[in-house]
Amino acid sequence: MKPIRRNVRRHFGLTAKQVAVRTRWPWYFKFFLIFMFISSGFLLAYWVLRGGENANIHERVQQQAIEIKELEAKLVGAQRELQVELATKNNLAKELATVQDDNIKVKEELLFYKSMLGRK
């Protein structure tokens, strides 16, 4: 009987060892808290990207995309006009060269005929 009494005193008496009692949450509470933190993070990110103050940014991006398309169309038109002008300039340069050659030939013929008539 004495050994039983010693065991009881050792666990429940004044000389019993001090024990710290900690409460632990069950695993499903921990997973629930983790789920709540992750979902609140996603909701915050969604609100920042889709709603709130950034709604104007999305509209501005769309407007600038439309403006970029318009400017690209104007650029293509200007490039085509420039190509037409360059082709016209080249054609005119060729025609001017042929006309000048013809003019030189005519002047030479005129000088030849003048020299035949004796006039200078």
N, C-alpha and C. Protein backbone atom coordinates (compact mmCIF):
# COMPACT_ATOMS: atom_id res chain seq x y z
N MET A 1 0.80 -1.18 0.00
CA MET A 1 0.00 0.00 0.00
C MET A 1 0.86 1.26 0.00
N LYS A 2 2.01 1.16 0.66
CA LYS A 2 2.89 2.30 0.71
C LYS A 2 3.38 2.71 -0.68
N PRO A 3 3.71 1.75 -1.55
CA PRO A 3 4.16 2.19 -2.87
C PRO A 3 3.04 2.93 -3.63
N ILE A 4 1.81 2.56 -3.44
CA ILE A 4 0.71 3.25 -4.12
C ILE A 4 0.58 4.66 -3.58
N ARG A 5 0.69 4.78 -2.25
CA ARG A 5 0.58 6.08 -1.62
C ARG A 5 1.71 7.00 -2.10
N ARG A 6 2.90 6.47 -2.25
CA ARG A 6 4.02 7.27 -2.75
C ARG A 6 3.76 7.76 -4.18
N ASN A 7 3.24 6.89 -4.99
CA ASN A 7 2.93 7.27 -6.37
C ASN A 7 1.88 8.37 -6.41
N VAL A 8 0.88 8.26 -5.58
CA VAL A 8 -0.18 9.28 -5.55
C VAL A 8 0.39 10.60 -5.06
N ARG A 9 1.22 10.57 -3.97
CA ARG A 9 1.80 11.80 -3.46
C ARG A 9 2.76 12.41 -4.48
N ARG A 10 3.47 11.57 -5.17
CA ARG A 10 4.41 12.08 -6.16
C ARG A 10 3.69 12.83 -7.27
N HIS A 11 2.50 12.38 -7.63
CA HIS A 11 1.77 13.02 -8.74
C HIS A 11 0.84 14.13 -8.27
N PHE A 12 0.28 14.03 -7.08
CA PHE A 12 -0.74 14.99 -6.67
C PHE A 12 -0.40 15.77 -5.40
N GLY A 13 0.69 15.54 -4.77
CA GLY A 13 1.00 16.20 -3.51
C GLY A 13 1.69 17.53 -3.73
N LEU A 14 2.17 18.12 -2.59
CA LEU A 14 2.88 19.39 -2.65
C LEU A 14 4.25 19.23 -3.31
N THR A 15 4.78 18.08 -3.25
CA THR A 15 6.09 17.84 -3.84
C THR A 15 5.99 17.37 -5.30
N ALA A 16 4.81 17.42 -5.85
CA ALA A 16 4.63 16.98 -7.24
C ALA A 16 5.35 17.94 -8.19
N LYS A 17 5.76 17.43 -9.31
CA LYS A 17 6.47 18.25 -10.29
C LYS A 17 5.51 19.27 -10.90
N GLN A 18 6.08 20.47 -11.16
CA GLN A 18 5.28 21.54 -11.78
C GLN A 18 5.10 21.21 -13.26
N VAL A 19 3.90 21.33 -13.72
CA VAL A 19 3.61 21.00 -15.11
C VAL A 19 2.90 22.20 -15.74
N ALA A 20 3.34 22.55 -16.94
CA ALA A 20 2.67 23.62 -17.69
C ALA A 20 1.63 22.99 -18.60
N VAL A 21 0.44 23.54 -18.54
CA VAL A 21 -0.65 23.01 -19.35
C VAL A 21 -0.89 23.99 -20.50
N ARG A 22 -0.76 23.49 -21.69
CA ARG A 22 -1.00 24.31 -22.88
C ARG A 22 -2.17 23.74 -23.65
N THR A 23 -2.99 24.67 -24.10
CA THR A 23 -4.09 24.19 -24.93
C THR A 23 -3.63 24.20 -26.38
N ARG A 24 -3.98 23.20 -27.10
CA ARG A 24 -3.63 23.12 -28.52
C ARG A 24 -4.91 23.12 -29.33
N TRP A 25 -4.83 23.83 -30.47
CA TRP A 25 -5.99 23.86 -31.34
C TRP A 25 -6.02 22.60 -32.18
N PRO A 26 -7.19 22.14 -32.47
CA PRO A 26 -7.28 20.96 -33.34
C PRO A 26 -6.81 21.30 -34.75
N TRP A 27 -6.43 20.29 -35.51
CA TRP A 27 -5.89 20.49 -36.85
C TRP A 27 -6.86 21.18 -37.78
N TYR A 28 -8.16 20.92 -37.62
CA TYR A 28 -9.12 21.54 -38.54
C TYR A 28 -9.26 23.03 -38.27
N PHE A 29 -9.04 23.50 -37.03
CA PHE A 29 -9.02 24.94 -36.78
C PHE A 29 -7.82 25.59 -37.44
N LYS A 30 -6.68 24.91 -37.40
CA LYS A 30 -5.48 25.46 -38.04
C LYS A 30 -5.67 25.56 -39.55
N PHE A 31 -6.20 24.52 -40.16
CA PHE A 31 -6.44 24.57 -41.60
C PHE A 31 -7.48 25.62 -41.96
N PHE A 32 -8.47 25.79 -41.10
CA PHE A 32 -9.48 26.82 -41.34
C PHE A 32 -8.85 28.20 -41.30
N LEU A 33 -7.98 28.47 -40.32
CA LEU A 33 -7.30 29.77 -40.25
C LEU A 33 -6.40 29.99 -41.46
N ILE A 34 -5.67 28.95 -41.86
CA ILE A 34 -4.81 29.09 -43.04
C ILE A 34 -5.65 29.39 -44.27
N PHE A 35 -6.75 28.70 -44.42
CA PHE A 35 -7.65 28.94 -45.55
C PHE A 35 -8.18 30.37 -45.52
N MET A 36 -8.55 30.87 -44.35
CA MET A 36 -9.07 32.23 -44.24
C MET A 36 -8.00 33.26 -44.61
N PHE A 37 -6.76 33.07 -44.17
CA PHE A 37 -5.70 34.00 -44.51
C PHE A 37 -5.41 34.00 -46.00
N ILE A 38 -5.34 32.82 -46.59
CA ILE A 38 -5.07 32.73 -48.03
C ILE A 38 -6.20 33.35 -48.84
N SER A 39 -7.44 33.05 -48.47
CA SER A 39 -8.57 33.61 -49.22
C SER A 39 -8.66 35.11 -49.04
N SER A 40 -8.36 35.62 -47.85
CA SER A 40 -8.37 37.08 -47.67
C SER A 40 -7.27 37.73 -48.49
N GLY A 41 -6.11 37.06 -48.63
CA GLY A 41 -5.05 37.59 -49.49
C GLY A 41 -5.47 37.64 -50.95
N PHE A 42 -6.13 36.58 -51.42
CA PHE A 42 -6.62 36.59 -52.79
C PHE A 42 -7.69 37.66 -53.00
N LEU A 43 -8.57 37.81 -52.04
CA LEU A 43 -9.61 38.84 -52.17
C LEU A 43 -9.00 40.23 -52.19
N LEU A 44 -8.00 40.46 -51.37
CA LEU A 44 -7.33 41.75 -51.36
C LEU A 44 -6.64 42.02 -52.69
N ALA A 45 -5.97 41.00 -53.22
CA ALA A 45 -5.31 41.16 -54.52
C ALA A 45 -6.34 41.42 -55.62
N TYR A 46 -7.45 40.71 -55.58
CA TYR A 46 -8.50 40.92 -56.58
C TYR A 46 -9.05 42.34 -56.48
N TRP A 47 -9.26 42.81 -55.28
CA TRP A 47 -9.79 44.16 -55.10
C TRP A 47 -8.81 45.20 -55.61
N VAL A 48 -7.52 44.97 -55.37
CA VAL A 48 -6.52 45.93 -55.83
C VAL A 48 -6.44 45.95 -57.35
N LEU A 49 -6.51 44.76 -57.98
CA LEU A 49 -6.33 44.70 -59.42
C LEU A 49 -7.60 45.03 -60.21
N ARG A 50 -8.74 44.66 -59.71
CA ARG A 50 -9.98 44.84 -60.46
C ARG A 50 -10.84 46.00 -60.00
N GLY A 51 -10.84 46.25 -58.77
CA GLY A 51 -11.75 47.27 -58.26
C GLY A 51 -10.98 48.40 -57.62
N GLY A 52 -11.64 49.16 -56.80
CA GLY A 52 -10.97 50.22 -56.06
C GLY A 52 -10.53 51.34 -56.97
N GLU A 53 -9.34 51.82 -56.73
CA GLU A 53 -8.82 52.99 -57.44
C GLU A 53 -8.26 52.65 -58.81
N ASN A 54 -8.02 51.39 -59.10
CA ASN A 54 -7.36 51.01 -60.35
C ASN A 54 -8.34 50.79 -61.50
N ALA A 55 -9.61 51.06 -61.31
CA ALA A 55 -10.56 50.91 -62.41
C ALA A 55 -10.26 51.91 -63.52
N ASN A 56 -9.80 53.10 -63.16
CA ASN A 56 -9.46 54.11 -64.16
C ASN A 56 -8.26 53.70 -64.99
N ILE A 57 -7.35 52.96 -64.40
CA ILE A 57 -6.16 52.53 -65.14
C ILE A 57 -6.56 51.60 -66.28
N HIS A 58 -7.49 50.71 -66.02
CA HIS A 58 -7.94 49.79 -67.07
C HIS A 58 -8.58 50.57 -68.23
N GLU A 59 -9.38 51.56 -67.92
CA GLU A 59 -10.00 52.38 -68.96
C GLU A 59 -8.94 53.16 -69.74
N ARG A 60 -7.95 53.70 -69.02
CA ARG A 60 -6.89 54.45 -69.71
C ARG A 60 -6.07 53.55 -70.62
N VAL A 61 -5.83 52.33 -70.21
CA VAL A 61 -5.08 51.40 -71.05
C VAL A 61 -5.86 51.11 -72.33
N GLN A 62 -7.16 50.92 -72.21
CA GLN A 62 -7.98 50.67 -73.40
C GLN A 62 -7.98 51.88 -74.32
N GLN A 63 -8.09 53.08 -73.77
CA GLN A 63 -8.08 54.29 -74.59
C GLN A 63 -6.73 54.45 -75.29
N GLN A 64 -5.66 54.19 -74.59
CA GLN A 64 -4.35 54.31 -75.21
C GLN A 64 -4.12 53.25 -76.27
N ALA A 65 -4.70 52.07 -76.09
CA ALA A 65 -4.58 51.05 -77.13
C ALA A 65 -5.30 51.50 -78.40
N ILE A 66 -6.47 52.10 -78.25
CA ILE A 66 -7.20 52.63 -79.41
C ILE A 66 -6.40 53.74 -80.07
N GLU A 67 -5.82 54.62 -79.27
CA GLU A 67 -5.03 55.72 -79.80
C GLU A 67 -3.80 55.21 -80.53
N ILE A 68 -3.18 54.16 -80.01
CA ILE A 68 -2.01 53.58 -80.67
C ILE A 68 -2.40 53.01 -82.02
N LYS A 69 -3.55 52.35 -82.10
CA LYS A 69 -4.00 51.80 -83.39
C LYS A 69 -4.23 52.92 -84.40
N GLU A 70 -4.84 54.03 -83.95
CA GLU A 70 -5.07 55.16 -84.85
C GLU A 70 -3.75 55.74 -85.33
N LEU A 71 -2.79 55.90 -84.43
CA LEU A 71 -1.49 56.46 -84.81
C LEU A 71 -0.74 55.52 -85.75
N GLU A 72 -0.88 54.21 -85.55
CA GLU A 72 -0.25 53.27 -86.47
C GLU A 72 -0.85 53.38 -87.86
N ALA A 73 -2.18 53.57 -87.92
CA ALA A 73 -2.83 53.74 -89.23
C ALA A 73 -2.32 55.01 -89.91
N LYS A 74 -2.18 56.09 -89.14
CA LYS A 74 -1.65 57.34 -89.72
C LYS A 74 -0.21 57.15 -90.19
N LEU A 75 0.57 56.41 -89.42
CA LEU A 75 1.96 56.17 -89.79
C LEU A 75 2.04 55.38 -91.10
N VAL A 76 1.20 54.38 -91.24
CA VAL A 76 1.19 53.59 -92.48
C VAL A 76 0.81 54.48 -93.66
N GLY A 77 -0.19 55.35 -93.47
CA GLY A 77 -0.59 56.27 -94.54
C GLY A 77 0.53 57.21 -94.92
N ALA A 78 1.22 57.75 -93.91
CA ALA A 78 2.32 58.68 -94.19
C ALA A 78 3.46 57.96 -94.91
N GLN A 79 3.73 56.72 -94.53
CA GLN A 79 4.79 55.97 -95.21
C GLN A 79 4.42 55.71 -96.66
N ARG A 80 3.17 55.40 -96.91
CA ARG A 80 2.73 55.18 -98.30
C ARG A 80 2.86 56.47 -99.11
N GLU A 81 2.46 57.60 -98.53
CA GLU A 81 2.61 58.88 -99.23
C GLU A 81 4.07 59.16 -99.53
N LEU A 82 4.93 58.88 -98.57
CA LEU A 82 6.36 59.10 -98.77
C LEU A 82 6.90 58.21 -99.90
N GLN A 83 6.45 56.96 -99.96
CA GLN A 83 6.89 56.07 -101.04
C GLN A 83 6.42 56.59 -102.39
N VAL A 84 5.18 57.08 -102.45
CA VAL A 84 4.66 57.62 -103.71
C VAL A 84 5.46 58.85 -104.12
N GLU A 85 5.75 59.73 -103.15
CA GLU A 85 6.53 60.93 -103.46
C GLU A 85 7.93 60.57 -103.93
N LEU A 86 8.57 59.58 -103.30
CA LEU A 86 9.91 59.17 -103.73
C LEU A 86 9.87 58.58 -105.14
N ALA A 87 8.86 57.77 -105.43
CA ALA A 87 8.74 57.20 -106.78
C ALA A 87 8.52 58.30 -107.81
N THR A 88 7.68 59.27 -107.45
CA THR A 88 7.43 60.40 -108.36
C THR A 88 8.70 61.20 -108.58
N LYS A 89 9.45 61.44 -107.51
CA LYS A 89 10.70 62.20 -107.61
C LYS A 89 11.69 61.47 -108.52
N ASN A 90 11.78 60.15 -108.34
CA ASN A 90 12.70 59.38 -109.20
C ASN A 90 12.27 59.44 -110.66
N ASN A 91 10.97 59.31 -110.92
CA ASN A 91 10.48 59.40 -112.30
C ASN A 91 10.75 60.77 -112.90
N LEU A 92 10.50 61.82 -112.09
CA LEU A 92 10.77 63.18 -112.59
C LEU A 92 12.25 63.39 -112.84
N ALA A 93 13.10 62.85 -112.01
CA ALA A 93 14.55 62.98 -112.22
C ALA A 93 14.97 62.29 -113.52
N LYS A 94 14.40 61.11 -113.76
CA LYS A 94 14.71 60.41 -115.01
C LYS A 94 14.21 61.19 -116.21
N GLU A 95 13.01 61.70 -116.13
CA GLU A 95 12.45 62.49 -117.25
C GLU A 95 13.25 63.76 -117.47
N LEU A 96 13.67 64.42 -116.36
CA LEU A 96 14.49 65.63 -116.50
C LEU A 96 15.81 65.31 -117.17
N ALA A 97 16.40 64.19 -116.81
CA ALA A 97 17.67 63.81 -117.43
C ALA A 97 17.48 63.57 -118.93
N THR A 98 16.40 62.88 -119.32
CA THR A 98 16.16 62.64 -120.76
C THR A 98 15.85 63.93 -121.48
N VAL A 99 15.09 64.81 -120.83
CA VAL A 99 14.76 66.10 -121.47
C VAL A 99 16.02 66.94 -121.64
N GLN A 100 16.90 66.93 -120.64
CA GLN A 100 18.15 67.68 -120.76
C GLN A 100 19.03 67.10 -121.86
N ASP A 101 19.06 65.77 -121.96
CA ASP A 101 19.83 65.14 -123.04
C ASP A 101 19.26 65.55 -124.39
N ASP A 102 17.93 65.52 -124.52
CA ASP A 102 17.29 65.93 -125.77
C ASP A 102 17.59 67.40 -126.05
N ASN A 103 17.57 68.22 -125.00
CA ASN A 103 17.84 69.65 -125.17
C ASN A 103 19.28 69.86 -125.65
N ILE A 104 20.21 69.11 -125.09
CA ILE A 104 21.61 69.23 -125.52
C ILE A 104 21.75 68.81 -126.98
N LYS A 105 21.06 67.71 -127.37
CA LYS A 105 21.11 67.26 -128.76
C LYS A 105 20.52 68.32 -129.70
N VAL A 106 19.41 68.92 -129.28
CA VAL A 106 18.78 69.94 -130.12
C VAL A 106 19.70 71.15 -130.26
N LYS A 107 20.35 71.54 -129.15
CA LYS A 107 21.28 72.68 -129.22
C LYS A 107 22.46 72.36 -130.13
N GLU A 108 22.95 71.13 -130.05
CA GLU A 108 24.05 70.74 -130.92
C GLU A 108 23.62 70.79 -132.38
N GLU A 109 22.41 70.30 -132.65
CA GLU A 109 21.91 70.35 -134.02
C GLU A 109 21.72 71.77 -134.49
N LEU A 110 21.23 72.63 -133.57
CA LEU A 110 21.05 74.05 -133.92
C LEU A 110 22.40 74.69 -134.25
N LEU A 111 23.41 74.39 -133.44
CA LEU A 111 24.74 74.93 -133.72
C LEU A 111 25.27 74.38 -135.06
N PHE A 112 24.99 73.11 -135.31
CA PHE A 112 25.44 72.52 -136.56
C PHE A 112 24.78 73.23 -137.75
N TYR A 113 23.46 73.47 -137.66
CA TYR A 113 22.77 74.12 -138.76
C TYR A 113 23.17 75.57 -138.88
N LYS A 114 23.42 76.24 -137.74
CA LYS A 114 23.91 77.62 -137.80
C LYS A 114 25.29 77.68 -138.46
N SER A 115 26.11 76.71 -138.08
CA SER A 115 27.45 76.72 -138.68
C SER A 115 27.37 76.45 -140.19
N MET A 116 26.37 75.68 -140.62
CA MET A 116 26.21 75.43 -142.02
C MET A 116 25.77 76.68 -142.76
N LEU A 117 24.95 77.50 -142.09
CA LEU A 117 24.47 78.72 -142.71
C LEU A 117 25.49 79.85 -142.55
N GLY A 118 26.43 79.68 -141.66
CA GLY A 118 27.45 80.68 -141.49
C GLY A 118 27.08 81.69 -140.42
N ARG A 119 26.13 81.44 -139.67
CA ARG A 119 25.77 82.36 -138.60
C ARG A 119 26.30 81.84 -137.28
N LYS A 120 26.56 82.81 -136.45
CA LYS A 120 27.00 82.43 -135.12
C LYS A 120 26.10 83.01 -134.11
